[in-house]
Amino acid sequence: MKTSFLQRKARYFLQTGTVAFILTTFSLMAQAQNRWSIEFRPGVNFATKKLADADLKTGFGAGAIISYRFLPHLGLYTGWSWNRFNASQSFAGVETDFEETGYNYGLQFIHPIGDSRINYLIRAGGLWNHIEVEATDGNLVADSGHGFGWQAELGLAMLLDDHWRVQPGVRYRSLARDLSVGSVSNAVDLKYISVGLGIVRTF
């Protein structure tokens, strides 16, 4: 009889604990709703200066970002991006492509404008990118290796519904590296403005 009483007690505590765990889990999930987001952003890029002796033409690129909002308007982001520029003539030869690829990370601030569904967006952070030089035949001419840079971005976050928004924005990036072609090392400073449109899904 004592054993049966203990079994009932144990079953009661197990059931109560299970229910409490489930309710707590659902409560935390509800609180975390829409704190995460995934963004895909294509863009058009405009170099603001020469890359060593190369006049870069208008470029293009795309990237993906994952962000987490830990305060009502402040969050962290990290992502990966690829951007390409072409130059008719450069230290690396004729008709060469310059590709900047790598990772970005930082803080983002999103705040509504009045009572509208439009928010302003501010991002600032770092880069861990490298620059590759490719010839017209697709062969790799040079690779700078990864290094640190920085970026800043201003834009709008326009809500479409509870989970989707679009983010037109202007981004500035700066990355200084060394590119060696043959036995000659060239200090390059890639600076450009990127105009893009982010498509964002929150969850």
N, C-alpha and C. Protein backbone atom coordinates (compact mmCIF):
# COMPACT_ATOMS: atom_id res chain seq x y z
N MET A 1 0.83 -1.21 0.00
CA MET A 1 0.00 0.00 0.00
C MET A 1 0.87 1.26 0.00
N LYS A 2 1.95 1.22 0.77
CA LYS A 2 2.87 2.33 0.82
C LYS A 2 3.52 2.55 -0.53
N THR A 3 3.86 1.42 -1.20
CA THR A 3 4.47 1.50 -2.52
C THR A 3 3.51 2.13 -3.53
N SER A 4 2.23 1.72 -3.46
CA SER A 4 1.22 2.28 -4.36
C SER A 4 1.07 3.78 -4.15
N PHE A 5 1.09 4.22 -2.91
CA PHE A 5 0.98 5.66 -2.60
C PHE A 5 2.17 6.43 -3.18
N LEU A 6 3.37 5.86 -3.03
CA LEU A 6 4.56 6.52 -3.56
C LEU A 6 4.51 6.57 -5.09
N GLN A 7 4.01 5.50 -5.71
CA GLN A 7 3.89 5.49 -7.16
C GLN A 7 2.94 6.55 -7.66
N ARG A 8 1.78 6.71 -6.94
CA ARG A 8 0.82 7.74 -7.33
C ARG A 8 1.42 9.13 -7.19
N LYS A 9 2.16 9.33 -6.10
CA LYS A 9 2.82 10.62 -5.89
C LYS A 9 3.85 10.92 -6.99
N ALA A 10 4.63 9.89 -7.29
CA ALA A 10 5.65 10.06 -8.34
C ALA A 10 5.00 10.36 -9.68
N ARG A 11 3.89 9.66 -10.00
CA ARG A 11 3.18 9.89 -11.25
C ARG A 11 2.61 11.32 -11.29
N TYR A 12 2.09 11.75 -10.13
CA TYR A 12 1.52 13.11 -10.05
C TYR A 12 2.59 14.17 -10.30
N PHE A 13 3.74 14.02 -9.62
CA PHE A 13 4.81 15.00 -9.82
C PHE A 13 5.36 14.96 -11.24
N LEU A 14 5.43 13.76 -11.84
CA LEU A 14 5.91 13.64 -13.21
C LEU A 14 4.96 14.33 -14.18
N GLN A 15 3.66 14.10 -14.00
CA GLN A 15 2.68 14.73 -14.88
C GLN A 15 2.67 16.24 -14.71
N THR A 16 2.74 16.69 -13.46
CA THR A 16 2.76 18.13 -13.19
C THR A 16 4.00 18.78 -13.78
N GLY A 17 5.13 18.11 -13.59
CA GLY A 17 6.37 18.64 -14.14
C GLY A 17 6.36 18.70 -15.65
N THR A 18 5.78 17.67 -16.29
CA THR A 18 5.70 17.64 -17.75
C THR A 18 4.84 18.78 -18.28
N VAL A 19 3.67 18.95 -17.63
CA VAL A 19 2.78 20.04 -18.04
C VAL A 19 3.46 21.40 -17.86
N ALA A 20 4.13 21.58 -16.73
CA ALA A 20 4.82 22.85 -16.45
C ALA A 20 5.92 23.09 -17.49
N PHE A 21 6.65 22.03 -17.87
CA PHE A 21 7.72 22.17 -18.86
C PHE A 21 7.14 22.57 -20.21
N ILE A 22 6.03 21.92 -20.61
CA ILE A 22 5.40 22.24 -21.90
C ILE A 22 4.91 23.67 -21.92
N LEU A 23 4.24 24.10 -20.84
CA LEU A 23 3.73 25.47 -20.78
C LEU A 23 4.87 26.49 -20.80
N THR A 24 5.94 26.19 -20.08
CA THR A 24 7.09 27.10 -20.07
C THR A 24 7.72 27.20 -21.45
N THR A 25 7.85 26.06 -22.12
CA THR A 25 8.43 26.04 -23.47
C THR A 25 7.62 26.88 -24.43
N PHE A 26 6.28 26.68 -24.42
CA PHE A 26 5.42 27.46 -25.31
C PHE A 26 5.47 28.94 -24.97
N SER A 27 5.58 29.26 -23.68
CA SER A 27 5.67 30.66 -23.28
C SER A 27 6.95 31.31 -23.81
N LEU A 28 8.07 30.59 -23.70
CA LEU A 28 9.33 31.12 -24.21
C LEU A 28 9.30 31.26 -25.72
N MET A 29 8.68 30.30 -26.41
CA MET A 29 8.58 30.38 -27.87
C MET A 29 7.75 31.58 -28.29
N ALA A 30 6.68 31.83 -27.54
CA ALA A 30 5.83 32.98 -27.86
C ALA A 30 6.58 34.28 -27.66
N GLN A 31 7.38 34.35 -26.57
CA GLN A 31 8.14 35.56 -26.30
C GLN A 31 9.21 35.78 -27.35
N ALA A 32 9.77 34.69 -27.90
CA ALA A 32 10.85 34.81 -28.88
C ALA A 32 10.33 34.97 -30.30
N GLN A 33 9.02 35.01 -30.49
CA GLN A 33 8.46 35.09 -31.82
C GLN A 33 8.94 36.35 -32.54
N ASN A 34 9.34 36.18 -33.79
CA ASN A 34 9.81 37.27 -34.65
C ASN A 34 11.10 37.92 -34.17
N ARG A 35 11.83 37.25 -33.28
CA ARG A 35 13.13 37.78 -32.88
C ARG A 35 14.20 37.43 -33.91
N TRP A 36 14.03 36.32 -34.63
CA TRP A 36 14.98 35.89 -35.64
C TRP A 36 14.51 36.34 -37.02
N SER A 37 15.46 36.58 -37.90
CA SER A 37 15.10 36.91 -39.28
C SER A 37 16.19 36.42 -40.23
N ILE A 38 15.75 36.13 -41.45
CA ILE A 38 16.65 35.75 -42.54
C ILE A 38 16.42 36.73 -43.68
N GLU A 39 17.51 37.22 -44.26
CA GLU A 39 17.41 38.22 -45.32
C GLU A 39 18.24 37.81 -46.53
N PHE A 40 17.66 37.99 -47.72
CA PHE A 40 18.40 37.85 -48.98
C PHE A 40 18.45 39.23 -49.62
N ARG A 41 19.66 39.67 -49.99
CA ARG A 41 19.83 41.04 -50.49
C ARG A 41 20.70 41.09 -51.74
N PRO A 42 20.11 41.29 -52.92
CA PRO A 42 20.90 41.61 -54.11
C PRO A 42 21.15 43.11 -54.17
N GLY A 43 22.21 43.50 -54.87
CA GLY A 43 22.52 44.93 -54.93
C GLY A 43 23.40 45.30 -56.11
N VAL A 44 23.45 46.60 -56.37
CA VAL A 44 24.32 47.19 -57.40
C VAL A 44 25.37 48.01 -56.68
N ASN A 45 26.64 47.88 -57.13
CA ASN A 45 27.76 48.47 -56.40
C ASN A 45 28.49 49.52 -57.23
N PHE A 46 28.89 50.61 -56.55
CA PHE A 46 29.59 51.71 -57.21
C PHE A 46 30.87 52.01 -56.43
N ALA A 47 32.02 51.73 -57.06
CA ALA A 47 33.30 52.00 -56.41
C ALA A 47 33.48 53.51 -56.24
N THR A 48 34.02 53.92 -55.09
CA THR A 48 34.22 55.35 -54.82
C THR A 48 35.65 55.79 -55.09
N LYS A 49 36.54 54.86 -55.43
CA LYS A 49 37.92 55.20 -55.76
C LYS A 49 38.53 54.07 -56.58
N LYS A 50 39.68 54.32 -57.15
CA LYS A 50 40.37 53.29 -57.91
C LYS A 50 40.86 52.18 -56.98
N LEU A 51 40.95 50.97 -57.52
CA LEU A 51 41.55 49.85 -56.81
C LEU A 51 42.99 49.74 -57.30
N ALA A 52 43.92 50.35 -56.56
CA ALA A 52 45.28 50.57 -57.04
C ALA A 52 45.17 51.42 -58.31
N ASP A 53 45.51 50.87 -59.50
CA ASP A 53 45.42 51.65 -60.74
C ASP A 53 44.19 51.29 -61.56
N ALA A 54 43.29 50.49 -61.01
CA ALA A 54 42.15 49.98 -61.77
C ALA A 54 40.90 50.83 -61.57
N ASP A 55 40.32 51.27 -62.69
CA ASP A 55 39.02 51.94 -62.66
C ASP A 55 37.94 50.87 -62.70
N LEU A 56 37.28 50.64 -61.58
CA LEU A 56 36.28 49.60 -61.50
C LEU A 56 34.96 50.06 -62.10
N LYS A 57 34.38 49.20 -62.94
CA LYS A 57 33.07 49.48 -63.50
C LYS A 57 31.99 49.20 -62.44
N THR A 58 30.75 49.58 -62.75
CA THR A 58 29.64 49.29 -61.84
C THR A 58 29.56 47.78 -61.61
N GLY A 59 29.48 47.40 -60.35
CA GLY A 59 29.46 45.98 -60.00
C GLY A 59 28.10 45.54 -59.50
N PHE A 60 28.05 44.30 -59.12
CA PHE A 60 26.81 43.73 -58.59
C PHE A 60 27.17 42.63 -57.60
N GLY A 61 26.17 42.21 -56.82
CA GLY A 61 26.43 41.16 -55.85
C GLY A 61 25.17 40.77 -55.11
N ALA A 62 25.33 39.87 -54.17
CA ALA A 62 24.20 39.39 -53.36
C ALA A 62 24.74 38.84 -52.06
N GLY A 63 23.86 38.74 -51.08
CA GLY A 63 24.26 38.20 -49.79
C GLY A 63 23.08 37.74 -48.97
N ALA A 64 23.37 37.02 -47.90
CA ALA A 64 22.35 36.53 -46.99
C ALA A 64 22.76 36.89 -45.56
N ILE A 65 21.77 37.27 -44.75
CA ILE A 65 22.02 37.71 -43.38
C ILE A 65 21.04 37.01 -42.44
N ILE A 66 21.55 36.58 -41.29
CA ILE A 66 20.72 36.09 -40.20
C ILE A 66 20.86 37.07 -39.04
N SER A 67 19.74 37.47 -38.45
CA SER A 67 19.81 38.43 -37.34
C SER A 67 18.95 37.96 -36.18
N TYR A 68 19.32 38.43 -35.00
CA TYR A 68 18.58 38.11 -33.77
C TYR A 68 18.37 39.40 -32.98
N ARG A 69 17.10 39.70 -32.68
CA ARG A 69 16.74 40.91 -31.93
C ARG A 69 16.69 40.57 -30.43
N PHE A 70 17.64 41.14 -29.67
CA PHE A 70 17.69 40.83 -28.24
C PHE A 70 17.09 41.94 -27.38
N LEU A 71 16.82 43.11 -27.98
CA LEU A 71 16.10 44.19 -27.34
C LEU A 71 15.00 44.64 -28.31
N PRO A 72 14.01 45.41 -27.84
CA PRO A 72 12.90 45.77 -28.73
C PRO A 72 13.32 46.31 -30.10
N HIS A 73 14.42 47.09 -30.16
CA HIS A 73 14.82 47.68 -31.43
C HIS A 73 16.27 47.36 -31.83
N LEU A 74 16.98 46.63 -31.00
CA LEU A 74 18.40 46.39 -31.23
C LEU A 74 18.67 44.90 -31.41
N GLY A 75 19.53 44.57 -32.39
CA GLY A 75 19.83 43.17 -32.65
C GLY A 75 21.25 42.97 -33.15
N LEU A 76 21.61 41.70 -33.26
CA LEU A 76 22.89 41.29 -33.83
C LEU A 76 22.64 40.68 -35.20
N TYR A 77 23.61 40.82 -36.09
CA TYR A 77 23.48 40.18 -37.40
C TYR A 77 24.80 39.57 -37.82
N THR A 78 24.71 38.56 -38.66
CA THR A 78 25.88 37.98 -39.29
C THR A 78 25.46 37.42 -40.64
N GLY A 79 26.39 37.39 -41.58
CA GLY A 79 26.01 36.92 -42.91
C GLY A 79 27.20 36.67 -43.81
N TRP A 80 26.88 36.36 -45.05
CA TRP A 80 27.88 36.08 -46.09
C TRP A 80 27.48 36.83 -47.34
N SER A 81 28.46 37.32 -48.10
CA SER A 81 28.14 38.04 -49.32
C SER A 81 29.21 37.83 -50.39
N TRP A 82 28.79 38.08 -51.63
CA TRP A 82 29.67 37.99 -52.80
C TRP A 82 29.41 39.20 -53.68
N ASN A 83 30.49 39.89 -54.09
CA ASN A 83 30.36 41.07 -54.94
C ASN A 83 31.44 41.05 -56.01
N ARG A 84 31.04 41.42 -57.24
CA ARG A 84 31.97 41.38 -58.37
C ARG A 84 32.06 42.73 -59.06
N PHE A 85 33.31 43.09 -59.42
CA PHE A 85 33.59 44.29 -60.22
C PHE A 85 34.46 43.87 -61.40
N ASN A 86 34.39 44.65 -62.48
CA ASN A 86 35.23 44.40 -63.65
C ASN A 86 36.04 45.65 -63.96
N ALA A 87 37.25 45.43 -64.49
CA ALA A 87 38.10 46.54 -64.91
C ALA A 87 38.66 46.22 -66.29
N SER A 88 38.57 47.20 -67.19
CA SER A 88 39.10 46.99 -68.54
C SER A 88 40.61 46.83 -68.53
N GLN A 89 41.28 47.61 -67.66
CA GLN A 89 42.74 47.57 -67.55
C GLN A 89 43.12 47.71 -66.09
N SER A 90 44.04 46.87 -65.62
CA SER A 90 44.49 46.95 -64.23
C SER A 90 45.88 46.36 -64.11
N PHE A 91 46.45 46.44 -62.90
CA PHE A 91 47.75 45.85 -62.63
C PHE A 91 47.77 44.35 -62.86
N ALA A 92 46.56 43.72 -62.88
CA ALA A 92 46.46 42.27 -63.07
C ALA A 92 46.25 41.87 -64.52
N GLY A 93 46.12 42.87 -65.44
CA GLY A 93 45.94 42.55 -66.84
C GLY A 93 44.73 43.24 -67.44
N VAL A 94 44.32 42.72 -68.61
CA VAL A 94 43.20 43.29 -69.35
C VAL A 94 41.93 42.52 -69.04
N GLU A 95 40.81 43.27 -68.88
CA GLU A 95 39.50 42.67 -68.63
C GLU A 95 39.55 41.65 -67.47
N THR A 96 39.87 42.15 -66.31
CA THR A 96 39.94 41.29 -65.12
C THR A 96 38.74 41.55 -64.22
N ASP A 97 38.34 40.49 -63.51
CA ASP A 97 37.25 40.58 -62.54
C ASP A 97 37.82 40.57 -61.13
N PHE A 98 37.27 41.43 -60.29
CA PHE A 98 37.64 41.48 -58.88
C PHE A 98 36.43 41.06 -58.06
N GLU A 99 36.59 39.99 -57.29
CA GLU A 99 35.48 39.47 -56.49
C GLU A 99 35.81 39.60 -55.00
N GLU A 100 34.90 40.24 -54.29
CA GLU A 100 35.02 40.36 -52.83
C GLU A 100 34.02 39.39 -52.21
N THR A 101 34.52 38.49 -51.39
CA THR A 101 33.69 37.46 -50.79
C THR A 101 34.05 37.30 -49.32
N GLY A 102 33.04 37.01 -48.50
CA GLY A 102 33.34 36.76 -47.10
C GLY A 102 32.16 37.01 -46.18
N TYR A 103 32.50 37.33 -44.95
CA TYR A 103 31.50 37.37 -43.88
C TYR A 103 31.36 38.78 -43.32
N ASN A 104 30.17 39.08 -42.81
CA ASN A 104 29.93 40.37 -42.16
C ASN A 104 29.17 40.14 -40.87
N TYR A 105 29.30 41.07 -39.95
CA TYR A 105 28.72 40.91 -38.62
C TYR A 105 28.60 42.29 -37.97
N GLY A 106 27.69 42.43 -37.01
CA GLY A 106 27.58 43.70 -36.33
C GLY A 106 26.26 43.88 -35.62
N LEU A 107 25.91 45.15 -35.38
CA LEU A 107 24.68 45.52 -34.70
C LEU A 107 23.72 46.18 -35.68
N GLN A 108 22.42 45.96 -35.46
CA GLN A 108 21.43 46.65 -36.26
C GLN A 108 20.35 47.26 -35.35
N PHE A 109 19.88 48.42 -35.77
CA PHE A 109 18.86 49.15 -35.02
C PHE A 109 17.69 49.43 -35.95
N ILE A 110 16.51 48.94 -35.59
CA ILE A 110 15.30 49.14 -36.39
C ILE A 110 14.25 49.78 -35.50
N HIS A 111 13.72 50.93 -35.95
CA HIS A 111 12.76 51.67 -35.13
C HIS A 111 11.64 52.21 -36.01
N PRO A 112 10.39 52.10 -35.56
CA PRO A 112 9.28 52.57 -36.40
C PRO A 112 9.28 54.09 -36.55
N ILE A 113 8.77 54.53 -37.69
CA ILE A 113 8.58 55.96 -37.95
C ILE A 113 7.14 56.30 -37.62
N GLY A 114 6.93 56.91 -36.48
CA GLY A 114 5.58 57.23 -36.03
C GLY A 114 4.75 55.96 -35.84
N ASP A 115 3.51 56.01 -36.31
CA ASP A 115 2.62 54.85 -36.20
C ASP A 115 2.53 54.08 -37.52
N SER A 116 3.42 54.36 -38.44
CA SER A 116 3.37 53.71 -39.76
C SER A 116 3.98 52.32 -39.71
N ARG A 117 3.88 51.61 -40.82
CA ARG A 117 4.49 50.29 -40.97
C ARG A 117 5.90 50.39 -41.55
N ILE A 118 6.42 51.60 -41.58
CA ILE A 118 7.76 51.84 -42.10
C ILE A 118 8.71 52.13 -40.94
N ASN A 119 9.85 51.44 -40.92
CA ASN A 119 10.87 51.63 -39.90
C ASN A 119 12.16 52.13 -40.57
N TYR A 120 12.96 52.85 -39.81
CA TYR A 120 14.30 53.15 -40.32
C TYR A 120 15.28 52.12 -39.78
N LEU A 121 16.28 51.83 -40.58
CA LEU A 121 17.25 50.78 -40.29
C LEU A 121 18.66 51.36 -40.28
N ILE A 122 19.43 51.04 -39.25
CA ILE A 122 20.83 51.42 -39.16
C ILE A 122 21.64 50.16 -38.84
N ARG A 123 22.68 49.93 -39.62
CA ARG A 123 23.59 48.82 -39.35
C ARG A 123 25.03 49.32 -39.34
N ALA A 124 25.84 48.74 -38.48
CA ALA A 124 27.26 49.04 -38.44
C ALA A 124 27.99 47.80 -37.95
N GLY A 125 29.12 47.50 -38.59
CA GLY A 125 29.84 46.30 -38.17
C GLY A 125 31.10 46.07 -38.97
N GLY A 126 31.59 44.84 -38.88
CA GLY A 126 32.85 44.49 -39.50
C GLY A 126 32.71 43.52 -40.65
N LEU A 127 33.82 43.34 -41.35
CA LEU A 127 33.93 42.38 -42.45
C LEU A 127 35.10 41.45 -42.18
N TRP A 128 34.98 40.23 -42.66
CA TRP A 128 36.11 39.30 -42.70
C TRP A 128 36.11 38.72 -44.12
N ASN A 129 36.69 39.51 -45.05
CA ASN A 129 36.55 39.23 -46.48
C ASN A 129 37.89 39.09 -47.17
N HIS A 130 37.84 38.57 -48.38
CA HIS A 130 39.03 38.53 -49.23
C HIS A 130 38.67 38.96 -50.63
N ILE A 131 39.67 39.33 -51.40
CA ILE A 131 39.49 39.78 -52.78
C ILE A 131 40.23 38.80 -53.69
N GLU A 132 39.52 38.30 -54.68
CA GLU A 132 40.11 37.43 -55.69
C GLU A 132 40.13 38.14 -57.04
N VAL A 133 41.18 37.88 -57.81
CA VAL A 133 41.29 38.44 -59.16
C VAL A 133 41.22 37.29 -60.15
N GLU A 134 40.30 37.40 -61.11
CA GLU A 134 40.13 36.36 -62.12
C GLU A 134 40.36 36.92 -63.51
N ALA A 135 41.03 36.13 -64.36
CA ALA A 135 41.24 36.51 -65.75
C ALA A 135 39.99 36.19 -66.57
N THR A 136 40.01 36.59 -67.84
CA THR A 136 38.84 36.38 -68.71
C THR A 136 38.53 34.90 -68.91
N ASP A 137 39.55 34.04 -68.80
CA ASP A 137 39.32 32.61 -68.97
C ASP A 137 38.84 31.93 -67.68
N GLY A 138 38.65 32.72 -66.62
CA GLY A 138 38.16 32.17 -65.36
C GLY A 138 39.25 31.71 -64.42
N ASN A 139 40.51 31.75 -64.84
CA ASN A 139 41.61 31.33 -63.98
C ASN A 139 41.88 32.36 -62.89
N LEU A 140 42.23 31.86 -61.71
CA LEU A 140 42.53 32.73 -60.58
C LEU A 140 43.92 33.33 -60.75
N VAL A 141 43.98 34.67 -60.71
CA VAL A 141 45.24 35.39 -60.86
C VAL A 141 45.86 35.68 -59.49
N ALA A 142 45.02 36.08 -58.53
CA ALA A 142 45.53 36.45 -57.21
C ALA A 142 44.42 36.33 -56.18
N ASP A 143 44.83 36.11 -54.93
CA ASP A 143 43.89 36.03 -53.81
C ASP A 143 44.53 36.75 -52.63
N SER A 144 43.84 37.73 -52.09
CA SER A 144 44.41 38.54 -51.01
C SER A 144 44.45 37.82 -49.67
N GLY A 145 43.63 36.77 -49.52
CA GLY A 145 43.45 36.18 -48.21
C GLY A 145 42.50 37.03 -47.39
N HIS A 146 41.88 36.43 -46.38
CA HIS A 146 40.88 37.14 -45.59
C HIS A 146 41.51 38.18 -44.66
N GLY A 147 40.76 39.25 -44.47
CA GLY A 147 41.19 40.30 -43.56
C GLY A 147 40.00 41.12 -43.11
N PHE A 148 40.24 41.98 -42.12
CA PHE A 148 39.15 42.76 -41.54
C PHE A 148 38.88 44.04 -42.34
N GLY A 149 37.61 44.38 -42.42
CA GLY A 149 37.17 45.65 -42.97
C GLY A 149 35.96 46.12 -42.17
N TRP A 150 35.24 47.10 -42.69
CA TRP A 150 34.07 47.58 -41.97
C TRP A 150 32.99 48.02 -42.94
N GLN A 151 31.78 48.13 -42.43
CA GLN A 151 30.65 48.57 -43.25
C GLN A 151 29.64 49.33 -42.39
N ALA A 152 28.87 50.18 -43.05
CA ALA A 152 27.76 50.90 -42.42
C ALA A 152 26.61 50.95 -43.41
N GLU A 153 25.40 50.94 -42.90
CA GLU A 153 24.23 50.87 -43.78
C GLU A 153 23.08 51.69 -43.20
N LEU A 154 22.36 52.37 -44.09
CA LEU A 154 21.14 53.08 -43.76
C LEU A 154 20.04 52.61 -44.70
N GLY A 155 18.84 52.44 -44.16
CA GLY A 155 17.76 51.99 -45.02
C GLY A 155 16.41 52.08 -44.34
N LEU A 156 15.42 51.49 -45.00
CA LEU A 156 14.06 51.43 -44.48
C LEU A 156 13.64 49.97 -44.38
N ALA A 157 12.89 49.65 -43.34
CA ALA A 157 12.30 48.32 -43.18
C ALA A 157 10.79 48.49 -43.29
N MET A 158 10.24 48.01 -44.40
CA MET A 158 8.83 48.23 -44.72
C MET A 158 8.06 46.93 -44.52
N LEU A 159 7.16 46.93 -43.54
CA LEU A 159 6.42 45.72 -43.17
C LEU A 159 5.36 45.40 -44.21
N LEU A 160 5.34 44.13 -44.65
CA LEU A 160 4.30 43.66 -45.56
C LEU A 160 3.20 42.93 -44.80
N ASP A 161 3.60 42.10 -43.82
CA ASP A 161 2.66 41.44 -42.92
C ASP A 161 3.40 41.09 -41.64
N ASP A 162 2.90 40.13 -40.87
CA ASP A 162 3.52 39.82 -39.58
C ASP A 162 4.89 39.15 -39.71
N HIS A 163 5.21 38.61 -40.89
CA HIS A 163 6.46 37.85 -41.02
C HIS A 163 7.34 38.29 -42.19
N TRP A 164 6.84 39.15 -43.06
CA TRP A 164 7.61 39.55 -44.24
C TRP A 164 7.80 41.06 -44.27
N ARG A 165 8.99 41.48 -44.71
CA ARG A 165 9.24 42.90 -44.94
C ARG A 165 10.28 43.05 -46.05
N VAL A 166 10.32 44.23 -46.65
CA VAL A 166 11.35 44.55 -47.64
C VAL A 166 12.20 45.69 -47.08
N GLN A 167 13.51 45.68 -47.42
CA GLN A 167 14.44 46.65 -46.84
C GLN A 167 15.31 47.28 -47.92
N PRO A 168 14.85 48.36 -48.55
CA PRO A 168 15.75 49.10 -49.44
C PRO A 168 16.79 49.84 -48.61
N GLY A 169 18.03 49.81 -49.08
CA GLY A 169 19.06 50.45 -48.27
C GLY A 169 20.31 50.78 -49.06
N VAL A 170 21.13 51.64 -48.46
CA VAL A 170 22.42 52.04 -49.03
C VAL A 170 23.51 51.64 -48.04
N ARG A 171 24.50 50.94 -48.55
CA ARG A 171 25.57 50.39 -47.71
C ARG A 171 26.93 50.91 -48.19
N TYR A 172 27.81 51.22 -47.25
CA TYR A 172 29.18 51.61 -47.58
C TYR A 172 30.13 50.57 -46.99
N ARG A 173 31.08 50.14 -47.83
CA ARG A 173 32.05 49.14 -47.38
C ARG A 173 33.47 49.60 -47.66
N SER A 174 34.37 49.16 -46.77
CA SER A 174 35.79 49.47 -46.93
C SER A 174 36.62 48.25 -46.53
N LEU A 175 37.52 47.84 -47.43
CA LEU A 175 38.37 46.67 -47.18
C LEU A 175 39.74 46.91 -47.81
N ALA A 176 40.77 46.92 -46.99
CA ALA A 176 42.14 47.12 -47.45
C ALA A 176 42.90 45.79 -47.37
N ARG A 177 43.48 45.38 -48.51
CA ARG A 177 44.23 44.13 -48.57
C ARG A 177 45.45 44.30 -49.48
N ASP A 178 46.27 43.26 -49.59
CA ASP A 178 47.39 43.21 -50.52
C ASP A 178 47.15 42.12 -51.53
N LEU A 179 47.37 42.43 -52.81
CA LEU A 179 47.22 41.45 -53.89
C LEU A 179 48.56 41.29 -54.60
N SER A 180 49.04 40.06 -54.66
CA SER A 180 50.32 39.79 -55.31
C SER A 180 50.08 39.15 -56.66
N VAL A 181 50.58 39.82 -57.72
CA VAL A 181 50.51 39.29 -59.08
C VAL A 181 51.95 39.04 -59.52
N GLY A 182 52.30 37.77 -59.68
CA GLY A 182 53.68 37.44 -59.94
C GLY A 182 54.50 37.75 -58.71
N SER A 183 55.57 38.52 -58.89
CA SER A 183 56.44 38.88 -57.76
C SER A 183 56.13 40.28 -57.22
N VAL A 184 55.09 40.90 -57.77
CA VAL A 184 54.77 42.28 -57.38
C VAL A 184 53.55 42.28 -56.45
N SER A 185 53.70 42.94 -55.30
CA SER A 185 52.61 43.06 -54.34
C SER A 185 51.97 44.45 -54.48
N ASN A 186 50.65 44.46 -54.56
CA ASN A 186 49.92 45.72 -54.73
C ASN A 186 48.98 45.93 -53.54
N ALA A 187 49.12 47.08 -52.89
CA ALA A 187 48.21 47.44 -51.80
C ALA A 187 46.92 47.96 -52.43
N VAL A 188 45.81 47.33 -52.11
CA VAL A 188 44.53 47.74 -52.69
C VAL A 188 43.58 48.12 -51.56
N ASP A 189 42.73 49.09 -51.84
CA ASP A 189 41.77 49.59 -50.86
C ASP A 189 40.41 49.64 -51.56
N LEU A 190 39.60 48.62 -51.35
CA LEU A 190 38.29 48.53 -51.99
C LEU A 190 37.27 49.30 -51.17
N LYS A 191 36.76 50.37 -51.76
CA LYS A 191 35.73 51.18 -51.11
C LYS A 191 34.58 51.35 -52.11
N TYR A 192 33.37 51.05 -51.65
CA TYR A 192 32.25 51.18 -52.58
C TYR A 192 30.93 51.38 -51.84
N ILE A 193 29.97 51.91 -52.60
CA ILE A 193 28.60 52.08 -52.13
C ILE A 193 27.73 51.04 -52.81
N SER A 194 26.91 50.37 -52.04
CA SER A 194 26.01 49.35 -52.56
C SER A 194 24.57 49.76 -52.31
N VAL A 195 23.77 49.78 -53.39
CA VAL A 195 22.34 50.07 -53.29
C VAL A 195 21.60 48.76 -53.52
N GLY A 196 20.82 48.33 -52.53
CA GLY A 196 20.19 47.02 -52.63
C GLY A 196 18.81 46.97 -52.03
N LEU A 197 18.18 45.82 -52.21
CA LEU A 197 16.85 45.58 -51.67
C LEU A 197 16.85 44.25 -50.95
N GLY A 198 16.64 44.28 -49.64
CA GLY A 198 16.58 43.06 -48.85
C GLY A 198 15.17 42.52 -48.75
N ILE A 199 15.04 41.21 -48.88
CA ILE A 199 13.77 40.52 -48.68
C ILE A 199 13.91 39.71 -47.40
N VAL A 200 13.07 40.01 -46.41
CA VAL A 200 13.28 39.51 -45.04
C VAL A 200 12.09 38.67 -44.60
N ARG A 201 12.40 37.53 -43.96
CA ARG A 201 11.40 36.67 -43.33
C ARG A 201 11.74 36.58 -41.85
N THR A 202 10.80 36.95 -40.98
CA THR A 202 11.01 36.85 -39.54
C THR A 202 10.31 35.61 -38.98
N PHE A 203 10.84 35.11 -37.87
CA PHE A 203 10.23 33.94 -37.22
C PHE A 203 10.62 33.90 -35.76
